[in-house]
Amino acid sequence: MSGHRRTGADAAPTFRSALHHRDFRLLLLGHGAGTVAQLMMTLAVGIEALDRTSSSVWVSVTVALGFVPYVISSGYAGVLADRWSRSVCWSSRSPAEPSVPWSPAPDCCWAGRSRC
């Protein structure tokens, strides 16, 4: 292409053009907030492990164990995603998500208790 800029229907989509869609901006904002929250939780668990044990080894073990579910489930999730439609995969994933905030660790944090 010699200096010709594509416009209209033949123009390649850009990241900036994607930001013009409200739903995509909300998705991007939600993903960013979720990522920050997950990193804060990892940090909080590490700090709590250090506070309870005063051992950097247990901090490392605790943080490393936080990644085990991803390591174990990612291979199986890929196989399942290839076998079934996207809607089946999403519907089977959603019922477990509401139970996460009711686990004992976040409850202790929200209640302001230092020991549970």
PDB file of N, CA and C in Angstrom:
ATOM      1  N   MET A   1       0.837  -1.182   0.000  1.00  0.00           N
ATOM      2  CA  MET A   1       0.000   0.000   0.000  1.00  0.00           C
ATOM      3  C   MET A   1       0.873   1.232   0.000  1.00  0.00           C
ATOM      4  N   SER A   2       0.687   2.013  -0.942  1.00  0.00           N
ATOM      5  CA  SER A   2       1.528   3.198  -1.064  1.00  0.00           C
ATOM      6  C   SER A   2       0.806   4.422  -0.523  1.00  0.00           C
ATOM      7  N   GLY A   3       0.786   4.542   0.781  1.00  0.00           N
ATOM      8  CA  GLY A   3       0.209   5.721   1.410  1.00  0.00           C
ATOM      9  C   GLY A   3      -1.303   5.769   1.374  1.00  0.00           C
ATOM     10  N   HIS A   4      -1.952   4.730   0.924  1.00  0.00           N
ATOM     11  CA  HIS A   4      -3.399   4.694   0.869  1.00  0.00           C
ATOM     12  C   HIS A   4      -3.936   4.215   2.212  1.00  0.00           C
ATOM     13  N   ARG A   5      -4.783   5.002   2.804  1.00  0.00           N
ATOM     14  CA  ARG A   5      -5.374   4.621   4.080  1.00  0.00           C
ATOM     15  C   ARG A   5      -6.741   4.013   3.829  1.00  0.00           C
ATOM     16  N   ARG A   6      -6.939   2.814   4.399  1.00  0.00           N
ATOM     17  CA  ARG A   6      -8.220   2.141   4.188  1.00  0.00           C
ATOM     18  C   ARG A   6      -9.282   2.785   5.071  1.00  0.00           C
ATOM     19  N   THR A   7     -10.440   2.974   4.514  1.00  0.00           N
ATOM     20  CA  THR A   7     -11.554   3.550   5.258  1.00  0.00           C
ATOM     21  C   THR A   7     -12.809   2.754   4.966  1.00  0.00           C
ATOM     22  N   GLY A   8     -13.818   2.953   5.794  1.00  0.00           N
ATOM     23  CA  GLY A   8     -15.103   2.320   5.550  1.00  0.00           C
ATOM     24  C   GLY A   8     -15.094   0.839   5.881  1.00  0.00           C
ATOM     25  N   ALA A   9     -15.752   0.054   5.029  1.00  0.00           N
ATOM     26  CA  ALA A   9     -15.944  -1.364   5.293  1.00  0.00           C
ATOM     27  C   ALA A   9     -14.653  -2.166   5.192  1.00  0.00           C
ATOM     28  N   ASP A  10     -13.669  -1.691   4.424  1.00  0.00           N
ATOM     29  CA  ASP A  10     -12.431  -2.469   4.273  1.00  0.00           C
ATOM     30  C   ASP A  10     -11.370  -2.108   5.301  1.00  0.00           C
ATOM     31  N   ALA A  11     -11.680  -1.183   6.229  1.00  0.00           N
ATOM     32  CA  ALA A  11     -10.713  -0.782   7.255  1.00  0.00           C
ATOM     33  C   ALA A  11     -10.578  -1.884   8.311  1.00  0.00           C
ATOM     34  N   ALA A  12      -9.354  -2.143   8.724  1.00  0.00           N
ATOM     35  CA  ALA A  12      -9.101  -3.126   9.777  1.00  0.00           C
ATOM     36  C   ALA A  12      -9.509  -2.533  11.125  1.00  0.00           C
ATOM     37  N   PRO A  13     -10.184  -3.308  11.970  1.00  0.00           N
ATOM     38  CA  PRO A  13     -10.579  -2.789  13.284  1.00  0.00           C
ATOM     39  C   PRO A  13      -9.356  -2.549  14.160  1.00  0.00           C
ATOM     40  N   THR A  14      -9.438  -1.541  14.986  1.00  0.00           N
ATOM     41  CA  THR A  14      -8.353  -1.208  15.905  1.00  0.00           C
ATOM     42  C   THR A  14      -8.858  -1.307  17.341  1.00  0.00           C
ATOM     43  N   PHE A  15      -7.931  -1.272  18.286  1.00  0.00           N
ATOM     44  CA  PHE A  15      -8.307  -1.307  19.691  1.00  0.00           C
ATOM     45  C   PHE A  15      -9.120  -0.073  20.039  1.00  0.00           C
ATOM     46  N   ARG A  16      -8.740   1.056  19.500  1.00  0.00           N
ATOM     47  CA  ARG A  16      -9.471   2.296  19.774  1.00  0.00           C
ATOM     48  C   ARG A  16     -10.905   2.211  19.263  1.00  0.00           C
ATOM     49  N   SER A  17     -11.114   1.573  18.116  1.00  0.00           N
ATOM     50  CA  SER A  17     -12.480   1.443  17.605  1.00  0.00           C
ATOM     51  C   SER A  17     -13.301   0.508  18.498  1.00  0.00           C
ATOM     52  N   ALA A  18     -12.653  -0.460  19.123  1.00  0.00           N
ATOM     53  CA  ALA A  18     -13.368  -1.352  20.041  1.00  0.00           C
ATOM     54  C   ALA A  18     -13.840  -0.594  21.280  1.00  0.00           C
ATOM     55  N   LEU A  19     -13.104   0.418  21.691  1.00  0.00           N
ATOM     56  CA  LEU A  19     -13.483   1.202  22.873  1.00  0.00           C
ATOM     57  C   LEU A  19     -14.711   2.070  22.639  1.00  0.00           C
ATOM     58  N   HIS A  20     -15.150   2.174  21.408  1.00  0.00           N
ATOM     59  CA  HIS A  20     -16.361   2.940  21.113  1.00  0.00           C
ATOM     60  C   HIS A  20     -17.622   2.180  21.517  1.00  0.00           C
ATOM     61  N   HIS A  21     -17.489   0.892  21.813  1.00  0.00           N
ATOM     62  CA  HIS A  21     -18.632   0.071  22.204  1.00  0.00           C
ATOM     63  C   HIS A  21     -18.731   0.021  23.718  1.00  0.00           C
ATOM     64  N   ARG A  22     -19.887   0.436  24.232  1.00  0.00           N
ATOM     65  CA  ARG A  22     -20.102   0.507  25.671  1.00  0.00           C
ATOM     66  C   ARG A  22     -19.922  -0.856  26.341  1.00  0.00           C
ATOM     67  N   ASP A  23     -20.472  -1.906  25.740  1.00  0.00           N
ATOM     68  CA  ASP A  23     -20.375  -3.234  26.347  1.00  0.00           C
ATOM     69  C   ASP A  23     -18.928  -3.701  26.470  1.00  0.00           C
ATOM     70  N   PHE A  24     -18.116  -3.395  25.462  1.00  0.00           N
ATOM     71  CA  PHE A  24     -16.708  -3.785  25.535  1.00  0.00           C
ATOM     72  C   PHE A  24     -15.983  -3.000  26.621  1.00  0.00           C
ATOM     73  N   ARG A  25     -16.298  -1.717  26.751  1.00  0.00           N
ATOM     74  CA  ARG A  25     -15.667  -0.918  27.817  1.00  0.00           C
ATOM     75  C   ARG A  25     -16.026  -1.469  29.188  1.00  0.00           C
ATOM     76  N   LEU A  26     -17.299  -1.871  29.372  1.00  0.00           N
ATOM     77  CA  LEU A  26     -17.712  -2.457  30.648  1.00  0.00           C
ATOM     78  C   LEU A  26     -17.008  -3.784  30.906  1.00  0.00           C
ATOM     79  N   LEU A  27     -16.884  -4.599  29.861  1.00  0.00           N
ATOM     80  CA  LEU A  27     -16.166  -5.865  29.987  1.00  0.00           C
ATOM     81  C   LEU A  27     -14.707  -5.632  30.366  1.00  0.00           C
ATOM     82  N   LEU A  28     -14.074  -4.684  29.717  1.00  0.00           N
ATOM     83  CA  LEU A  28     -12.680  -4.364  29.995  1.00  0.00           C
ATOM     84  C   LEU A  28     -12.515  -3.839  31.420  1.00  0.00           C
ATOM     85  N   LEU A  29     -13.417  -2.993  31.848  1.00  0.00           N
ATOM     86  CA  LEU A  29     -13.370  -2.450  33.209  1.00  0.00           C
ATOM     87  C   LEU A  29     -13.583  -3.559  34.242  1.00  0.00           C
ATOM     88  N   GLY A  30     -14.551  -4.432  33.988  1.00  0.00           N
ATOM     89  CA  GLY A  30     -14.806  -5.540  34.907  1.00  0.00           C
ATOM     90  C   GLY A  30     -13.632  -6.498  34.992  1.00  0.00           C
ATOM     91  N   HIS A  31     -13.028  -6.779  33.855  1.00  0.00           N
ATOM     92  CA  HIS A  31     -11.863  -7.675  33.847  1.00  0.00           C
ATOM     93  C   HIS A  31     -10.697  -7.044  34.613  1.00  0.00           C
ATOM     94  N   GLY A  32     -10.494  -5.764  34.414  1.00  0.00           N
ATOM     95  CA  GLY A  32      -9.420  -5.073  35.134  1.00  0.00           C
ATOM     96  C   GLY A  32      -9.658  -5.076  36.635  1.00  0.00           C
ATOM     97  N   ALA A  33     -10.896  -4.818  37.049  1.00  0.00           N
ATOM     98  CA  ALA A  33     -11.221  -4.814  38.478  1.00  0.00           C
ATOM     99  C   ALA A  33     -11.050  -6.212  39.078  1.00  0.00           C
ATOM    100  N   GLY A  34     -11.468  -7.230  38.335  1.00  0.00           N
ATOM    101  CA  GLY A  34     -11.312  -8.602  38.818  1.00  0.00           C
ATOM    102  C   GLY A  34      -9.855  -9.005  38.954  1.00  0.00           C
ATOM    103  N   THR A  35      -9.034  -8.572  38.008  1.00  0.00           N
ATOM    104  CA  THR A  35      -7.611  -8.885  38.057  1.00  0.00           C
ATOM    105  C   THR A  35      -6.950  -8.218  39.262  1.00  0.00           C
ATOM    106  N   VAL A  36      -7.281  -6.948  39.488  1.00  0.00           N
ATOM    107  CA  VAL A  36      -6.725  -6.239  40.648  1.00  0.00           C
ATOM    108  C   VAL A  36      -7.188  -6.900  41.940  1.00  0.00           C
ATOM    109  N   ALA A  37      -8.463  -7.299  42.016  1.00  0.00           N
ATOM    110  CA  ALA A  37      -8.982  -7.953  43.219  1.00  0.00           C
ATOM    111  C   ALA A  37      -8.285  -9.283  43.472  1.00  0.00           C
ATOM    112  N   GLN A  38      -8.040 -10.036  42.413  1.00  0.00           N
ATOM    113  CA  GLN A  38      -7.355 -11.325  42.580  1.00  0.00           C
ATOM    114  C   GLN A  38      -5.921 -11.126  43.069  1.00  0.00           C
ATOM    115  N   LEU A  39      -5.245 -10.131  42.544  1.00  0.00           N
ATOM    116  CA  LEU A  39      -3.883  -9.850  42.998  1.00  0.00           C
ATOM    117  C   LEU A  39      -3.868  -9.378  44.453  1.00  0.00           C
ATOM    118  N   MET A  40      -4.861  -8.574  44.829  1.00  0.00           N
ATOM    119  CA  MET A  40      -4.947  -8.125  46.222  1.00  0.00           C
ATOM    120  C   MET A  40      -5.217  -9.296  47.163  1.00  0.00           C
ATOM    121  N   MET A  41      -6.045 -10.245  46.717  1.00  0.00           N
ATOM    122  CA  MET A  41      -6.327 -11.415  47.545  1.00  0.00           C
ATOM    123  C   MET A  41      -5.078 -12.269  47.718  1.00  0.00           C
ATOM    124  N   THR A  42      -4.310 -12.438  46.645  1.00  0.00           N
ATOM    125  CA  THR A  42      -3.053 -13.190  46.740  1.00  0.00           C
ATOM    126  C   THR A  42      -2.108 -12.516  47.733  1.00  0.00           C
ATOM    127  N   LEU A  43      -2.021 -11.198  47.670  1.00  0.00           N
ATOM    128  CA  LEU A  43      -1.178 -10.453  48.599  1.00  0.00           C
ATOM    129  C   LEU A  43      -1.690 -10.600  50.032  1.00  0.00           C
ATOM    130  N   ALA A  44      -3.009 -10.500  50.219  1.00  0.00           N
ATOM    131  CA  ALA A  44      -3.580 -10.606  51.565  1.00  0.00           C
ATOM    132  C   ALA A  44      -3.351 -11.984  52.168  1.00  0.00           C
ATOM    133  N   VAL A  45      -3.480 -13.023  51.355  1.00  0.00           N
ATOM    134  CA  VAL A  45      -3.245 -14.381  51.857  1.00  0.00           C
ATOM    135  C   VAL A  45      -1.774 -14.548  52.242  1.00  0.00           C
ATOM    136  N   GLY A  46      -0.875 -14.007  51.442  1.00  0.00           N
ATOM    137  CA  GLY A  46       0.544 -14.065  51.768  1.00  0.00           C
ATOM    138  C   GLY A  46       0.873 -13.323  53.054  1.00  0.00           C
ATOM    139  N   ILE A  47       0.283 -12.162  53.231  1.00  0.00           N
ATOM    140  CA  ILE A  47       0.511 -11.386  54.453  1.00  0.00           C
ATOM    141  C   ILE A  47      -0.049 -12.119  55.665  1.00  0.00           C
ATOM    142  N   GLU A  48      -1.235 -12.708  55.503  1.00  0.00           N
ATOM    143  CA  GLU A  48      -1.827 -13.463  56.617  1.00  0.00           C
ATOM    144  C   GLU A  48      -0.967 -14.673  56.986  1.00  0.00           C
ATOM    145  N   ALA A  49      -0.445 -15.357  55.981  1.00  0.00           N
ATOM    146  CA  ALA A  49       0.436 -16.502  56.256  1.00  0.00           C
ATOM    147  C   ALA A  49       1.698 -16.044  56.977  1.00  0.00           C
ATOM    148  N   LEU A  50       2.247 -14.917  56.587  1.00  0.00           N
ATOM    149  CA  LEU A  50       3.430 -14.392  57.268  1.00  0.00           C
ATOM    150  C   LEU A  50       3.100 -13.988  58.701  1.00  0.00           C
ATOM    151  N   ASP A  51       1.929 -13.382  58.890  1.00  0.00           N
ATOM    152  CA  ASP A  51       1.516 -12.953  60.222  1.00  0.00           C
ATOM    153  C   ASP A  51       1.318 -14.146  61.157  1.00  0.00           C
ATOM    154  N   ARG A  52       0.727 -15.217  60.633  1.00  0.00           N
ATOM    155  CA  ARG A  52       0.445 -16.383  61.475  1.00  0.00           C
ATOM    156  C   ARG A  52       1.669 -17.248  61.731  1.00  0.00           C
ATOM    157  N   THR A  53       2.578 -17.359  60.749  1.00  0.00           N
ATOM    158  CA  THR A  53       3.691 -18.298  60.887  1.00  0.00           C
ATOM    159  C   THR A  53       5.053 -17.641  61.055  1.00  0.00           C
ATOM    160  N   SER A  54       5.197 -16.401  60.670  1.00  0.00           N
ATOM    161  CA  SER A  54       6.486 -15.692  60.668  1.00  0.00           C
ATOM    162  C   SER A  54       7.542 -16.446  59.866  1.00  0.00           C
ATOM    163  N   SER A  55       7.100 -17.128  58.819  1.00  0.00           N
ATOM    164  CA  SER A  55       8.011 -17.918  58.005  1.00  0.00           C
ATOM    165  C   SER A  55       7.795 -17.599  56.533  1.00  0.00           C
ATOM    166  N   SER A  56       8.862 -17.183  55.872  1.00  0.00           N
ATOM    167  CA  SER A  56       8.757 -16.873  54.448  1.00  0.00           C
ATOM    168  C   SER A  56       8.540 -18.132  53.615  1.00  0.00           C
ATOM    169  N   VAL A  57       8.941 -19.278  54.135  1.00  0.00           N
ATOM    170  CA  VAL A  57       8.715 -20.540  53.424  1.00  0.00           C
ATOM    171  C   VAL A  57       7.218 -20.812  53.316  1.00  0.00           C
ATOM    172  N   TRP A  58       6.476 -20.615  54.419  1.00  0.00           N
ATOM    173  CA  TRP A  58       5.034 -20.848  54.390  1.00  0.00           C
ATOM    174  C   TRP A  58       4.316 -19.816  53.533  1.00  0.00           C
ATOM    175  N   VAL A  59       4.843 -18.619  53.446  1.00  0.00           N
ATOM    176  CA  VAL A  59       4.266 -17.622  52.541  1.00  0.00           C
ATOM    177  C   VAL A  59       4.399 -18.116  51.107  1.00  0.00           C
ATOM    178  N   SER A  60       5.572 -18.613  50.750  1.00  0.00           N
ATOM    179  CA  SER A  60       5.803 -19.131  49.399  1.00  0.00           C
ATOM    180  C   SER A  60       4.903 -20.323  49.106  1.00  0.00           C
ATOM    181  N   VAL A  61       4.791 -21.225  50.060  1.00  0.00           N
ATOM    182  CA  VAL A  61       3.947 -22.407  49.875  1.00  0.00           C
ATOM    183  C   VAL A  61       2.485 -21.991  49.710  1.00  0.00           C
ATOM    184  N   THR A  62       2.028 -21.073  50.524  1.00  0.00           N
ATOM    185  CA  THR A  62       0.638 -20.625  50.469  1.00  0.00           C
ATOM    186  C   THR A  62       0.317 -19.965  49.134  1.00  0.00           C
ATOM    187  N   VAL A  63       1.179 -19.078  48.689  1.00  0.00           N
ATOM    188  CA  VAL A  63       0.942 -18.396  47.415  1.00  0.00           C
ATOM    189  C   VAL A  63       1.020 -19.380  46.254  1.00  0.00           C
ATOM    190  N   ALA A  64       1.973 -20.300  46.306  1.00  0.00           N
ATOM    191  CA  ALA A  64       2.097 -21.300  45.242  1.00  0.00           C
ATOM    192  C   ALA A  64       0.868 -22.207  45.195  1.00  0.00           C
ATOM    193  N   LEU A  65       0.341 -22.581  46.345  1.00  0.00           N
ATOM    194  CA  LEU A  65      -0.849 -23.422  46.378  1.00  0.00           C
ATOM    195  C   LEU A  65      -2.071 -22.717  45.807  1.00  0.00           C
ATOM    196  N   GLY A  66      -2.051 -21.408  45.812  1.00  0.00           N
ATOM    197  CA  GLY A  66      -3.150 -20.658  45.212  1.00  0.00           C
ATOM    198  C   GLY A  66      -3.248 -20.856  43.708  1.00  0.00           C
ATOM    199  N   PHE A  67      -2.166 -21.262  43.071  1.00  0.00           N
ATOM    200  CA  PHE A  67      -2.164 -21.466  41.623  1.00  0.00           C
ATOM    201  C   PHE A  67      -2.452 -22.914  41.230  1.00  0.00           C
ATOM    202  N   VAL A  68      -2.478 -23.818  42.192  1.00  0.00           N
ATOM    203  CA  VAL A  68      -2.700 -25.232  41.892  1.00  0.00           C
ATOM    204  C   VAL A  68      -4.030 -25.478  41.175  1.00  0.00           C
ATOM    205  N   PRO A  69      -5.140 -24.865  41.597  1.00  0.00           N
ATOM    206  CA  PRO A  69      -6.392 -25.116  40.864  1.00  0.00           C
ATOM    207  C   PRO A  69      -6.302 -24.730  39.383  1.00  0.00           C
ATOM    208  N   TYR A  70      -5.599 -23.667  39.071  1.00  0.00           N
ATOM    209  CA  TYR A  70      -5.443 -23.266  37.677  1.00  0.00           C
ATOM    210  C   TYR A  70      -4.620 -24.288  36.902  1.00  0.00           C
ATOM    211  N   VAL A  71      -3.573 -24.768  37.519  1.00  0.00           N
ATOM    212  CA  VAL A  71      -2.701 -25.743  36.854  1.00  0.00           C
ATOM    213  C   VAL A  71      -3.450 -27.046  36.604  1.00  0.00           C
ATOM    214  N   ILE A  72      -4.192 -27.497  37.594  1.00  0.00           N
ATOM    215  CA  ILE A  72      -4.914 -28.762  37.465  1.00  0.00           C
ATOM    216  C   ILE A  72      -6.075 -28.643  36.487  1.00  0.00           C
ATOM    217  N   SER A  73      -6.847 -27.576  36.606  1.00  0.00           N
ATOM    218  CA  SER A  73      -8.081 -27.494  35.824  1.00  0.00           C
ATOM    219  C   SER A  73      -7.902 -26.960  34.409  1.00  0.00           C
ATOM    220  N   SER A  74      -6.821 -26.293  34.107  1.00  0.00           N
ATOM    221  CA  SER A  74      -6.707 -25.678  32.785  1.00  0.00           C
ATOM    222  C   SER A  74      -6.643 -26.705  31.659  1.00  0.00           C
ATOM    223  N   GLY A  75      -5.958 -27.802  31.853  1.00  0.00           N
ATOM    224  CA  GLY A  75      -5.908 -28.837  30.820  1.00  0.00           C
ATOM    225  C   GLY A  75      -7.265 -29.463  30.578  1.00  0.00           C
ATOM    226  N   TYR A  76      -7.974 -29.797  31.672  1.00  0.00           N
ATOM    227  CA  TYR A  76      -9.304 -30.377  31.546  1.00  0.00           C
ATOM    228  C   TYR A  76     -10.287 -29.374  30.956  1.00  0.00           C
ATOM    229  N   ALA A  77     -10.183 -28.137  31.353  1.00  0.00           N
ATOM    230  CA  ALA A  77     -11.090 -27.116  30.828  1.00  0.00           C
ATOM    231  C   ALA A  77     -10.910 -26.947  29.327  1.00  0.00           C
ATOM    232  N   GLY A  78      -9.679 -27.031  28.845  1.00  0.00           N
ATOM    233  CA  GLY A  78      -9.438 -26.928  27.411  1.00  0.00           C
ATOM    234  C   GLY A  78     -10.071 -28.066  26.638  1.00  0.00           C
ATOM    235  N   VAL A  79      -9.970 -29.275  27.174  1.00  0.00           N
ATOM    236  CA  VAL A  79     -10.591 -30.429  26.525  1.00  0.00           C
ATOM    237  C   VAL A  79     -12.108 -30.283  26.514  1.00  0.00           C
ATOM    238  N   LEU A  80     -12.681 -29.882  27.643  1.00  0.00           N
ATOM    239  CA  LEU A  80     -14.131 -29.706  27.708  1.00  0.00           C
ATOM    240  C   LEU A  80     -14.605 -28.586  26.789  1.00  0.00           C
ATOM    241  N   ALA A  81     -13.855 -27.519  26.716  1.00  0.00           N
ATOM    242  CA  ALA A  81     -14.235 -26.407  25.853  1.00  0.00           C
ATOM    243  C   ALA A  81     -14.216 -26.814  24.382  1.00  0.00           C
ATOM    244  N   ASP A  82     -13.322 -27.723  24.027  1.00  0.00           N
ATOM    245  CA  ASP A  82     -13.284 -28.198  22.646  1.00  0.00           C
ATOM    246  C   ASP A  82     -14.437 -29.152  22.328  1.00  0.00           C
ATOM    247  N   ARG A  83     -14.950 -29.831  23.341  1.00  0.00           N
ATOM    248  CA  ARG A  83     -16.007 -30.821  23.107  1.00  0.00           C
ATOM    249  C   ARG A  83     -17.397 -30.216  23.069  1.00  0.00           C
ATOM    250  N   TRP A  84     -17.661 -29.219  23.910  1.00  0.00           N
ATOM    251  CA  TRP A  84     -19.011 -28.673  24.034  1.00  0.00           C
ATOM    252  C   TRP A  84     -19.068 -27.243  23.546  1.00  0.00           C
ATOM    253  N   SER A  85     -20.280 -26.777  23.326  1.00  0.00           N
ATOM    254  CA  SER A  85     -20.466 -25.398  22.878  1.00  0.00           C
ATOM    255  C   SER A  85     -20.125 -24.428  24.013  1.00  0.00           C
ATOM    256  N   ARG A  86     -19.901 -23.217  23.659  1.00  0.00           N
ATOM    257  CA  ARG A  86     -19.523 -22.191  24.635  1.00  0.00           C
ATOM    258  C   ARG A  86     -20.614 -21.985  25.681  1.00  0.00           C
ATOM    259  N   SER A  87     -21.875 -22.013  25.279  1.00  0.00           N
ATOM    260  CA  SER A  87     -22.966 -21.777  26.233  1.00  0.00           C
ATOM    261  C   SER A  87     -23.037 -22.876  27.286  1.00  0.00           C
ATOM    262  N   VAL A  88     -22.740 -24.111  26.922  1.00  0.00           N
ATOM    263  CA  VAL A  88     -22.738 -25.208  27.896  1.00  0.00           C
ATOM    264  C   VAL A  88     -21.605 -25.014  28.891  1.00  0.00           C
ATOM    265  N   CYS A  89     -20.428 -24.624  28.405  1.00  0.00           N
ATOM    266  CA  CYS A  89     -19.281 -24.412  29.291  1.00  0.00           C
ATOM    267  C   CYS A  89     -19.551 -23.282  30.283  1.00  0.00           C
ATOM    268  N   TRP A  90     -20.137 -22.183  29.823  1.00  0.00           N
ATOM    269  CA  TRP A  90     -20.405 -21.049  30.712  1.00  0.00           C
ATOM    270  C   TRP A  90     -21.491 -21.377  31.722  1.00  0.00           C
ATOM    271  N   SER A  91     -22.522 -22.108  31.293  1.00  0.00           N
ATOM    272  CA  SER A  91     -23.606 -22.413  32.221  1.00  0.00           C
ATOM    273  C   SER A  91     -23.155 -23.390  33.298  1.00  0.00           C
ATOM    274  N   SER A  92     -22.215 -24.264  32.997  1.00  0.00           N
ATOM    275  CA  SER A  92     -21.750 -25.201  34.013  1.00  0.00           C
ATOM    276  C   SER A  92     -20.762 -24.544  34.967  1.00  0.00           C
ATOM    277  N   ARG A  93     -20.222 -23.408  34.597  1.00  0.00           N
ATOM    278  CA  ARG A  93     -19.248 -22.707  35.419  1.00  0.00           C
ATOM    279  C   ARG A  93     -19.921 -21.763  36.405  1.00  0.00           C
ATOM    280  N   SER A  94     -21.006 -21.133  36.026  1.00  0.00           N
ATOM    281  CA  SER A  94     -21.606 -20.086  36.834  1.00  0.00           C
ATOM    282  C   SER A  94     -22.162 -20.501  38.191  1.00  0.00           C
ATOM    283  N   PRO A  95     -22.780 -21.676  38.367  1.00  0.00           N
ATOM    284  CA  PRO A  95     -23.344 -21.969  39.687  1.00  0.00           C
ATOM    285  C   PRO A  95     -22.321 -21.989  40.815  1.00  0.00           C
ATOM    286  N   ALA A  96     -21.065 -22.256  40.538  1.00  0.00           N
ATOM    287  CA  ALA A  96     -20.053 -22.322  41.598  1.00  0.00           C
ATOM    288  C   ALA A  96     -19.591 -20.938  42.031  1.00  0.00           C
ATOM    289  N   GLU A  97     -19.714 -19.949  41.185  1.00  0.00           N
ATOM    290  CA  GLU A  97     -19.169 -18.630  41.500  1.00  0.00           C
ATOM    291  C   GLU A  97     -19.835 -17.933  42.683  1.00  0.00           C
ATOM    292  N   PRO A  98     -21.154 -17.984  42.851  1.00  0.00           N
ATOM    293  CA  PRO A  98     -21.739 -17.277  44.004  1.00  0.00           C
ATOM    294  C   PRO A  98     -21.303 -17.830  45.350  1.00  0.00           C
ATOM    295  N   SER A  99     -20.818 -19.057  45.415  1.00  0.00           N
ATOM    296  CA  SER A  99     -20.432 -19.637  46.698  1.00  0.00           C
ATOM    297  C   SER A  99     -19.081 -19.141  47.174  1.00  0.00           C
ATOM    298  N   VAL A 100     -18.272 -18.559  46.314  1.00  0.00           N
ATOM    299  CA  VAL A 100     -16.925 -18.132  46.688  1.00  0.00           C
ATOM    300  C   VAL A 100     -16.935 -17.078  47.796  1.00  0.00           C
ATOM    301  N   PRO A 101     -17.773 -16.033  47.730  1.00  0.00           N
ATOM    302  CA  PRO A 101     -17.734 -15.045  48.820  1.00  0.00           C
ATOM    303  C   PRO A 101     -18.154 -15.595  50.173  1.00  0.00           C
ATOM    304  N   TRP A 102     -18.800 -16.749  50.211  1.00  0.00           N
ATOM    305  CA  TRP A 102     -19.259 -17.298  51.479  1.00  0.00           C
ATOM    306  C   TRP A 102     -18.239 -18.215  52.127  1.00  0.00           C
ATOM    307  N   SER A 103     -17.052 -18.300  51.553  1.00  0.00           N
ATOM    308  CA  SER A 103     -16.020 -19.126  52.175  1.00  0.00           C
ATOM    309  C   SER A 103     -15.533 -18.455  53.460  1.00  0.00           C
ATOM    310  N   PRO A 104     -14.940 -19.193  54.395  1.00  0.00           N
ATOM    311  CA  PRO A 104     -14.562 -18.626  55.700  1.00  0.00           C
ATOM    312  C   PRO A 104     -13.521 -17.517  55.631  1.00  0.00           C
ATOM    313  N   ALA A 105     -12.550 -17.600  54.726  1.00  0.00           N
ATOM    314  CA  ALA A 105     -11.480 -16.602  54.709  1.00  0.00           C
ATOM    315  C   ALA A 105     -11.982 -15.198  54.392  1.00  0.00           C
ATOM    316  N   PRO A 106     -12.758 -14.983  53.315  1.00  0.00           N
ATOM    317  CA  PRO A 106     -13.250 -13.634  53.080  1.00  0.00           C
ATOM    318  C   PRO A 106     -14.155 -13.148  54.192  1.00  0.00           C
ATOM    319  N   ASP A 107     -14.921 -14.065  54.815  1.00  0.00           N
ATOM    320  CA  ASP A 107     -15.806 -13.682  55.892  1.00  0.00           C
ATOM    321  C   ASP A 107     -15.018 -13.087  57.047  1.00  0.00           C
ATOM    322  N   CYS A 108     -13.880 -13.679  57.356  1.00  0.00           N
ATOM    323  CA  CYS A 108     -13.032 -13.173  58.428  1.00  0.00           C
ATOM    324  C   CYS A 108     -12.504 -11.782  58.070  1.00  0.00           C
ATOM    325  N   CYS A 109     -12.111 -11.617  56.814  1.00  0.00           N
ATOM    326  CA  CYS A 109     -11.563 -10.335  56.389  1.00  0.00           C
ATOM    327  C   CYS A 109     -12.624  -9.248  56.446  1.00  0.00           C
ATOM    328  N   TRP A 110     -13.855  -9.575  55.981  1.00  0.00           N
ATOM    329  CA  TRP A 110     -14.921  -8.570  55.954  1.00  0.00           C
ATOM    330  C   TRP A 110     -15.369  -8.214  57.364  1.00  0.00           C
ATOM    331  N   ALA A 111     -15.288  -9.176  58.276  1.00  0.00           N
ATOM    332  CA  ALA A 111     -15.725  -8.914  59.631  1.00  0.00           C
ATOM    333  C   ALA A 111     -14.655  -8.168  60.442  1.00  0.00           C
ATOM    334  N   GLY A 112     -13.464  -8.012  59.869  1.00  0.00           N
ATOM    335  CA  GLY A 112     -12.402  -7.287  60.537  1.00  0.00           C
ATOM    336  C   GLY A 112     -11.669  -8.108  61.573  1.00  0.00           C
ATOM    337  N   ARG A 113     -11.891  -9.409  61.585  1.00  0.00           N
ATOM    338  CA  ARG A 113     -11.207 -10.260  62.551  1.00  0.00           C
ATOM    339  C   ARG A 113      -9.804 -10.593  62.035  1.00  0.00           C
ATOM    340  N   SER A 114      -8.831 -10.592  62.908  1.00  0.00           N
ATOM    341  CA  SER A 114      -7.475 -10.917  62.470  1.00  0.00           C
ATOM    342  C   SER A 114      -7.217 -12.414  62.564  1.00  0.00           C
ATOM    343  N   ARG A 115      -7.951 -13.132  63.380  1.00  0.00           N
ATOM    344  CA  ARG A 115      -7.789 -14.578  63.510  1.00  0.00           C
ATOM    345  C   ARG A 115      -9.154 -15.234  63.347  1.00  0.00           C
ATOM    346  N   CYS A 116      -9.195 -16.288  62.551  1.00  0.00           N
ATOM    347  CA  CYS A 116     -10.464 -17.006  62.338  1.00  0.00           C
ATOM    348  C   CYS A 116     -10.334 -18.435  62.796  1.00  0.00           C
TER     349      CYS A 116
END
